[in-house]
Amino acid sequence: LAPDVIVNAAAYTAVDKAESEPDLAFA
């Protein structure tokens, strides 16, 4: 893709669900 800049905007954002999915949130 020959980027000039990379923006990491993707994330695990299910704040409450993260409490039961810590491995996925940290991954």
PDB file of all heavy atoms in Angstrom:
ATOM      1  N   LEU A   1       0.808  -1.212   0.000  1.00  0.00           N
ATOM      2  CA  LEU A   1       0.000   0.000   0.000  1.00  0.00           C
ATOM      3  C   LEU A   1       0.847   1.270   0.000  1.00  0.00           C
ATOM      4  O   LEU A   1       0.326   2.373  -0.184  1.00  0.00           O
ATOM      5  CB  LEU A   1      -0.935   0.012   1.215  1.00  0.00           C
ATOM      6  CG  LEU A   1      -1.874  -1.199   1.311  1.00  0.00           C
ATOM      7  CD1 LEU A   1      -2.688  -1.139   2.601  1.00  0.00           C
ATOM      8  CD2 LEU A   1      -2.794  -1.260   0.103  1.00  0.00           C
ATOM      9  N   ALA A   2       2.154   1.108   0.215  1.00  0.00           N
ATOM     10  CA  ALA A   2       3.113   2.221   0.175  1.00  0.00           C
ATOM     11  C   ALA A   2       2.646   3.424   0.990  1.00  0.00           C
ATOM     12  O   ALA A   2       2.551   4.548   0.479  1.00  0.00           O
ATOM     13  CB  ALA A   2       3.383   2.642  -1.270  1.00  0.00           C
ATOM     14  N   PRO A   3       2.367   3.223   2.277  1.00  0.00           N
ATOM     15  CA  PRO A   3       1.849   4.350   3.081  1.00  0.00           C
ATOM     16  C   PRO A   3       2.922   5.384   3.382  1.00  0.00           C
ATOM     17  O   PRO A   3       4.107   5.062   3.519  1.00  0.00           O
ATOM     18  CB  PRO A   3       1.394   3.660   4.369  1.00  0.00           C
ATOM     19  CG  PRO A   3       2.277   2.465   4.490  1.00  0.00           C
ATOM     20  CD  PRO A   3       2.505   1.993   3.085  1.00  0.00           C
ATOM     21  N   ASP A   4       2.490   6.629   3.511  1.00  0.00           N
ATOM     22  CA  ASP A   4       3.351   7.678   4.049  1.00  0.00           C
ATOM     23  C   ASP A   4       3.169   7.784   5.561  1.00  0.00           C
ATOM     24  O   ASP A   4       4.083   8.192   6.271  1.00  0.00           O
ATOM     25  CB  ASP A   4       3.018   9.027   3.409  1.00  0.00           C
ATOM     26  CG  ASP A   4       3.338   9.045   1.927  1.00  0.00           C
ATOM     27  OD1 ASP A   4       4.481   8.758   1.565  1.00  0.00           O
ATOM     28  OD2 ASP A   4       2.417   9.327   1.137  1.00  0.00           O
ATOM     29  N   VAL A   5       1.979   7.431   6.017  1.00  0.00           N
ATOM     30  CA  VAL A   5       1.630   7.437   7.440  1.00  0.00           C
ATOM     31  C   VAL A   5       0.648   6.289   7.676  1.00  0.00           C
ATOM     32  O   VAL A   5      -0.196   6.005   6.823  1.00  0.00           O
ATOM     33  CB  VAL A   5       0.971   8.770   7.870  1.00  0.00           C
ATOM     34  CG1 VAL A   5       0.592   8.739   9.350  1.00  0.00           C
ATOM     35  CG2 VAL A   5       1.889   9.955   7.596  1.00  0.00           C
ATOM     36  N   ILE A   6       0.763   5.642   8.832  1.00  0.00           N
ATOM     37  CA  ILE A   6      -0.212   4.634   9.233  1.00  0.00           C
ATOM     38  C   ILE A   6      -0.951   5.147  10.466  1.00  0.00           C
ATOM     39  O   ILE A   6      -0.328   5.631  11.414  1.00  0.00           O
ATOM     40  CB  ILE A   6       0.461   3.278   9.540  1.00  0.00           C
ATOM     41  CG1 ILE A   6       1.108   2.712   8.264  1.00  0.00           C
ATOM     42  CG2 ILE A   6      -0.552   2.291  10.106  1.00  0.00           C
ATOM     43  CD1 ILE A   6       1.905   1.431   8.497  1.00  0.00           C
ATOM     44  N   VAL A   7      -2.267   5.059  10.428  1.00  0.00           N
ATOM     45  CA  VAL A   7      -3.109   5.462  11.557  1.00  0.00           C
ATOM     46  C   VAL A   7      -3.783   4.221  12.118  1.00  0.00           C
ATOM     47  O   VAL A   7      -4.512   3.531  11.390  1.00  0.00           O
ATOM     48  CB  VAL A   7      -4.182   6.488  11.128  1.00  0.00           C
ATOM     49  CG1 VAL A   7      -5.055   6.868  12.322  1.00  0.00           C
ATOM     50  CG2 VAL A   7      -3.538   7.722  10.517  1.00  0.00           C
ATOM     51  N   ASN A   8      -3.539   3.920  13.386  1.00  0.00           N
ATOM     52  CA  ASN A   8      -4.208   2.776  14.010  1.00  0.00           C
ATOM     53  C   ASN A   8      -5.471   3.272  14.714  1.00  0.00           C
ATOM     54  O   ASN A   8      -5.439   3.716  15.856  1.00  0.00           O
ATOM     55  CB  ASN A   8      -3.291   2.064  14.998  1.00  0.00           C
ATOM     56  CG  ASN A   8      -3.934   0.792  15.530  1.00  0.00           C
ATOM     57  OD1 ASN A   8      -4.655   0.115  14.805  1.00  0.00           O
ATOM     58  ND2 ASN A   8      -3.686   0.470  16.777  1.00  0.00           N
ATOM     59  N   ALA A   9      -6.582   3.185  13.984  1.00  0.00           N
ATOM     60  CA  ALA A   9      -7.866   3.623  14.521  1.00  0.00           C
ATOM     61  C   ALA A   9      -8.718   2.449  14.981  1.00  0.00           C
ATOM     62  O   ALA A   9      -9.699   2.642  15.696  1.00  0.00           O
ATOM     63  CB  ALA A   9      -8.633   4.420  13.464  1.00  0.00           C
ATOM     64  N   ALA A  10      -8.371   1.242  14.553  1.00  0.00           N
ATOM     65  CA  ALA A  10      -9.123   0.060  14.960  1.00  0.00           C
ATOM     66  C   ALA A  10      -8.805  -0.278  16.411  1.00  0.00           C
ATOM     67  O   ALA A  10      -7.685  -0.075  16.874  1.00  0.00           O
ATOM     68  CB  ALA A  10      -8.792  -1.117  14.056  1.00  0.00           C
ATOM     69  N   ALA A  11      -9.795  -0.807  17.108  1.00  0.00           N
ATOM     70  CA  ALA A  11      -9.585  -1.160  18.518  1.00  0.00           C
ATOM     71  C   ALA A  11     -10.731  -2.029  18.998  1.00  0.00           C
ATOM     72  O   ALA A  11     -11.809  -2.076  18.387  1.00  0.00           O
ATOM     73  CB  ALA A  11      -9.490   0.095  19.389  1.00  0.00           C
ATOM     74  N   TYR A  12     -10.497  -2.705  20.104  1.00  0.00           N
ATOM     75  CA  TYR A  12     -11.567  -3.378  20.829  1.00  0.00           C
ATOM     76  C   TYR A  12     -12.172  -2.321  21.742  1.00  0.00           C
ATOM     77  O   TYR A  12     -11.494  -1.814  22.644  1.00  0.00           O
ATOM     78  CB  TYR A  12     -11.001  -4.537  21.651  1.00  0.00           C
ATOM     79  CG  TYR A  12     -12.044  -5.327  22.422  1.00  0.00           C
ATOM     80  CD1 TYR A  12     -12.416  -6.600  22.014  1.00  0.00           C
ATOM     81  CD2 TYR A  12     -12.652  -4.799  23.558  1.00  0.00           C
ATOM     82  CE1 TYR A  12     -13.371  -7.330  22.719  1.00  0.00           C
ATOM     83  CE2 TYR A  12     -13.610  -5.503  24.256  1.00  0.00           C
ATOM     84  CZ  TYR A  12     -13.970  -6.769  23.838  1.00  0.00           C
ATOM     85  OH  TYR A  12     -14.910  -7.471  24.540  1.00  0.00           O
ATOM     86  N   THR A  13     -13.425  -1.958  21.493  1.00  0.00           N
ATOM     87  CA  THR A  13     -14.024  -0.821  22.204  1.00  0.00           C
ATOM     88  C   THR A  13     -15.261  -1.190  23.024  1.00  0.00           C
ATOM     89  O   THR A  13     -15.936  -0.296  23.537  1.00  0.00           O
ATOM     90  CB  THR A  13     -14.411   0.289  21.214  1.00  0.00           C
ATOM     91  OG1 THR A  13     -15.325  -0.243  20.249  1.00  0.00           O
ATOM     92  CG2 THR A  13     -13.180   0.837  20.507  1.00  0.00           C
ATOM     93  N   ALA A  14     -15.554  -2.469  23.152  1.00  0.00           N
ATOM     94  CA  ALA A  14     -16.705  -2.891  23.951  1.00  0.00           C
ATOM     95  C   ALA A  14     -16.312  -2.828  25.427  1.00  0.00           C
ATOM     96  O   ALA A  14     -15.865  -3.815  26.012  1.00  0.00           O
ATOM     97  CB  ALA A  14     -17.142  -4.290  23.558  1.00  0.00           C
ATOM     98  N   VAL A  15     -16.469  -1.657  26.013  1.00  0.00           N
ATOM     99  CA  VAL A  15     -15.929  -1.369  27.344  1.00  0.00           C
ATOM    100  C   VAL A  15     -16.406  -2.373  28.388  1.00  0.00           C
ATOM    101  O   VAL A  15     -15.608  -2.912  29.165  1.00  0.00           O
ATOM    102  CB  VAL A  15     -16.290   0.070  27.771  1.00  0.00           C
ATOM    103  CG1 VAL A  15     -15.815   0.339  29.187  1.00  0.00           C
ATOM    104  CG2 VAL A  15     -15.677   1.081  26.802  1.00  0.00           C
ATOM    105  N   ASP A  16     -17.690  -2.622  28.437  1.00  0.00           N
ATOM    106  CA  ASP A  16     -18.222  -3.538  29.449  1.00  0.00           C
ATOM    107  C   ASP A  16     -17.919  -4.999  29.109  1.00  0.00           C
ATOM    108  O   ASP A  16     -17.581  -5.798  29.987  1.00  0.00           O
ATOM    109  CB  ASP A  16     -19.724  -3.329  29.608  1.00  0.00           C
ATOM    110  CG  ASP A  16     -20.052  -1.997  30.270  1.00  0.00           C
ATOM    111  OD1 ASP A  16     -19.310  -1.593  31.190  1.00  0.00           O
ATOM    112  OD2 ASP A  16     -21.033  -1.356  29.857  1.00  0.00           O
ATOM    113  N   LYS A  17     -18.045  -5.361  27.845  1.00  0.00           N
ATOM    114  CA  LYS A  17     -17.788  -6.738  27.435  1.00  0.00           C
ATOM    115  C   LYS A  17     -16.343  -7.139  27.671  1.00  0.00           C
ATOM    116  O   LYS A  17     -16.026  -8.311  27.890  1.00  0.00           O
ATOM    117  CB  LYS A  17     -18.164  -6.920  25.967  1.00  0.00           C
ATOM    118  CG  LYS A  17     -18.279  -8.375  25.527  1.00  0.00           C
ATOM    119  CD  LYS A  17     -18.786  -8.458  24.100  1.00  0.00           C
ATOM    120  CE  LYS A  17     -18.937  -9.919  23.666  1.00  0.00           C
ATOM    121  NZ  LYS A  17     -19.429 -10.022  22.273  1.00  0.00           N
ATOM    122  N   ALA A  18     -15.438  -6.155  27.641  1.00  0.00           N
ATOM    123  CA  ALA A  18     -14.015  -6.434  27.857  1.00  0.00           C
ATOM    124  C   ALA A  18     -13.761  -7.080  29.209  1.00  0.00           C
ATOM    125  O   ALA A  18     -12.794  -7.835  29.380  1.00  0.00           O
ATOM    126  CB  ALA A  18     -13.192  -5.156  27.729  1.00  0.00           C
ATOM    127  N   GLU A  19     -14.619  -6.787  30.176  1.00  0.00           N
ATOM    128  CA  GLU A  19     -14.441  -7.365  31.506  1.00  0.00           C
ATOM    129  C   GLU A  19     -14.516  -8.890  31.473  1.00  0.00           C
ATOM    130  O   GLU A  19     -13.906  -9.565  32.305  1.00  0.00           O
ATOM    131  CB  GLU A  19     -15.488  -6.808  32.472  1.00  0.00           C
ATOM    132  CG  GLU A  19     -15.377  -5.318  32.724  1.00  0.00           C
ATOM    133  CD  GLU A  19     -14.031  -4.922  33.327  1.00  0.00           C
ATOM    134  OE1 GLU A  19     -13.641  -5.518  34.346  1.00  0.00           O
ATOM    135  OE2 GLU A  19     -13.374  -4.029  32.759  1.00  0.00           O
ATOM    136  N   SER A  20     -15.234  -9.440  30.510  1.00  0.00           N
ATOM    137  CA  SER A  20     -15.332 -10.895  30.375  1.00  0.00           C
ATOM    138  C   SER A  20     -14.514 -11.428  29.204  1.00  0.00           C
ATOM    139  O   SER A  20     -14.480 -12.638  28.974  1.00  0.00           O
ATOM    140  CB  SER A  20     -16.800 -11.318  30.207  1.00  0.00           C
ATOM    141  OG  SER A  20     -17.372 -10.718  29.057  1.00  0.00           O
ATOM    142  N   GLU A  21     -13.854 -10.526  28.460  1.00  0.00           N
ATOM    143  CA  GLU A  21     -13.012 -10.935  27.330  1.00  0.00           C
ATOM    144  C   GLU A  21     -11.643 -10.259  27.400  1.00  0.00           C
ATOM    145  O   GLU A  21     -11.193  -9.626  26.440  1.00  0.00           O
ATOM    146  CB  GLU A  21     -13.685 -10.586  26.000  1.00  0.00           C
ATOM    147  CG  GLU A  21     -14.947 -11.359  25.714  1.00  0.00           C
ATOM    148  CD  GLU A  21     -15.527 -11.068  24.335  1.00  0.00           C
ATOM    149  OE1 GLU A  21     -15.228  -9.977  23.788  1.00  0.00           O
ATOM    150  OE2 GLU A  21     -16.265 -11.908  23.823  1.00  0.00           O
ATOM    151  N   PRO A  22     -10.950 -10.385  28.526  1.00  0.00           N
ATOM    152  CA  PRO A  22      -9.681  -9.655  28.664  1.00  0.00           C
ATOM    153  C   PRO A  22      -8.626 -10.082  27.652  1.00  0.00           C
ATOM    154  O   PRO A  22      -7.855  -9.244  27.170  1.00  0.00           O
ATOM    155  CB  PRO A  22      -9.250  -9.977  30.100  1.00  0.00           C
ATOM    156  CG  PRO A  22      -9.956 -11.249  30.435  1.00  0.00           C
ATOM    157  CD  PRO A  22     -11.267 -11.176  29.730  1.00  0.00           C
ATOM    158  N   ASP A  23      -8.567 -11.363  27.328  1.00  0.00           N
ATOM    159  CA  ASP A  23      -7.544 -11.836  26.388  1.00  0.00           C
ATOM    160  C   ASP A  23      -7.732 -11.190  25.019  1.00  0.00           C
ATOM    161  O   ASP A  23      -6.755 -10.760  24.387  1.00  0.00           O
ATOM    162  CB  ASP A  23      -7.590 -13.358  26.261  1.00  0.00           C
ATOM    163  CG  ASP A  23      -7.132 -14.066  27.521  1.00  0.00           C
ATOM    164  OD1 ASP A  23      -6.496 -13.409  28.377  1.00  0.00           O
ATOM    165  OD2 ASP A  23      -7.415 -15.270  27.667  1.00  0.00           O
ATOM    166  N   LEU A  24      -8.971 -11.119  24.568  1.00  0.00           N
ATOM    167  CA  LEU A  24      -9.239 -10.516  23.263  1.00  0.00           C
ATOM    168  C   LEU A  24      -8.963  -9.015  23.297  1.00  0.00           C
ATOM    169  O   LEU A  24      -8.376  -8.458  22.361  1.00  0.00           O
ATOM    170  CB  LEU A  24     -10.682 -10.774  22.841  1.00  0.00           C
ATOM    171  CG  LEU A  24     -11.107 -10.207  21.478  1.00  0.00           C
ATOM    172  CD1 LEU A  24     -10.205 -10.726  20.368  1.00  0.00           C
ATOM    173  CD2 LEU A  24     -12.571 -10.539  21.193  1.00  0.00           C
ATOM    174  N   ALA A  25      -9.375  -8.342  24.364  1.00  0.00           N
ATOM    175  CA  ALA A  25      -9.146  -6.899  24.474  1.00  0.00           C
ATOM    176  C   ALA A  25      -7.659  -6.579  24.414  1.00  0.00           C
ATOM    177  O   ALA A  25      -7.237  -5.658  23.705  1.00  0.00           O
ATOM    178  CB  ALA A  25      -9.759  -6.364  25.766  1.00  0.00           C
ATOM    179  N   PHE A  26      -6.838  -7.339  25.142  1.00  0.00           N
ATOM    180  CA  PHE A  26      -5.399  -7.081  25.127  1.00  0.00           C
ATOM    181  C   PHE A  26      -4.768  -7.511  23.811  1.00  0.00           C
ATOM    182  O   PHE A  26      -3.804  -6.887  23.344  1.00  0.00           O
ATOM    183  CB  PHE A  26      -4.725  -7.776  26.315  1.00  0.00           C
ATOM    184  CG  PHE A  26      -4.732  -6.959  27.575  1.00  0.00           C
ATOM    185  CD1 PHE A  26      -5.789  -7.048  28.470  1.00  0.00           C
ATOM    186  CD2 PHE A  26      -3.712  -6.069  27.855  1.00  0.00           C
ATOM    187  CE1 PHE A  26      -5.815  -6.281  29.632  1.00  0.00           C
ATOM    188  CE2 PHE A  26      -3.713  -5.295  29.009  1.00  0.00           C
ATOM    189  CZ  PHE A  26      -4.776  -5.402  29.902  1.00  0.00           C
ATOM    190  N   ALA A  27      -5.295  -8.573  23.203  1.00  0.00           N
ATOM    191  CA  ALA A  27      -4.747  -9.003  21.911  1.00  0.00           C
ATOM    192  C   ALA A  27      -4.885  -7.906  20.866  1.00  0.00           C
ATOM    193  O   ALA A  27      -3.959  -7.642  20.083  1.00  0.00           O
ATOM    194  CB  ALA A  27      -5.458 -10.275  21.434  1.00  0.00           C
TER     195      ALA A  27
END
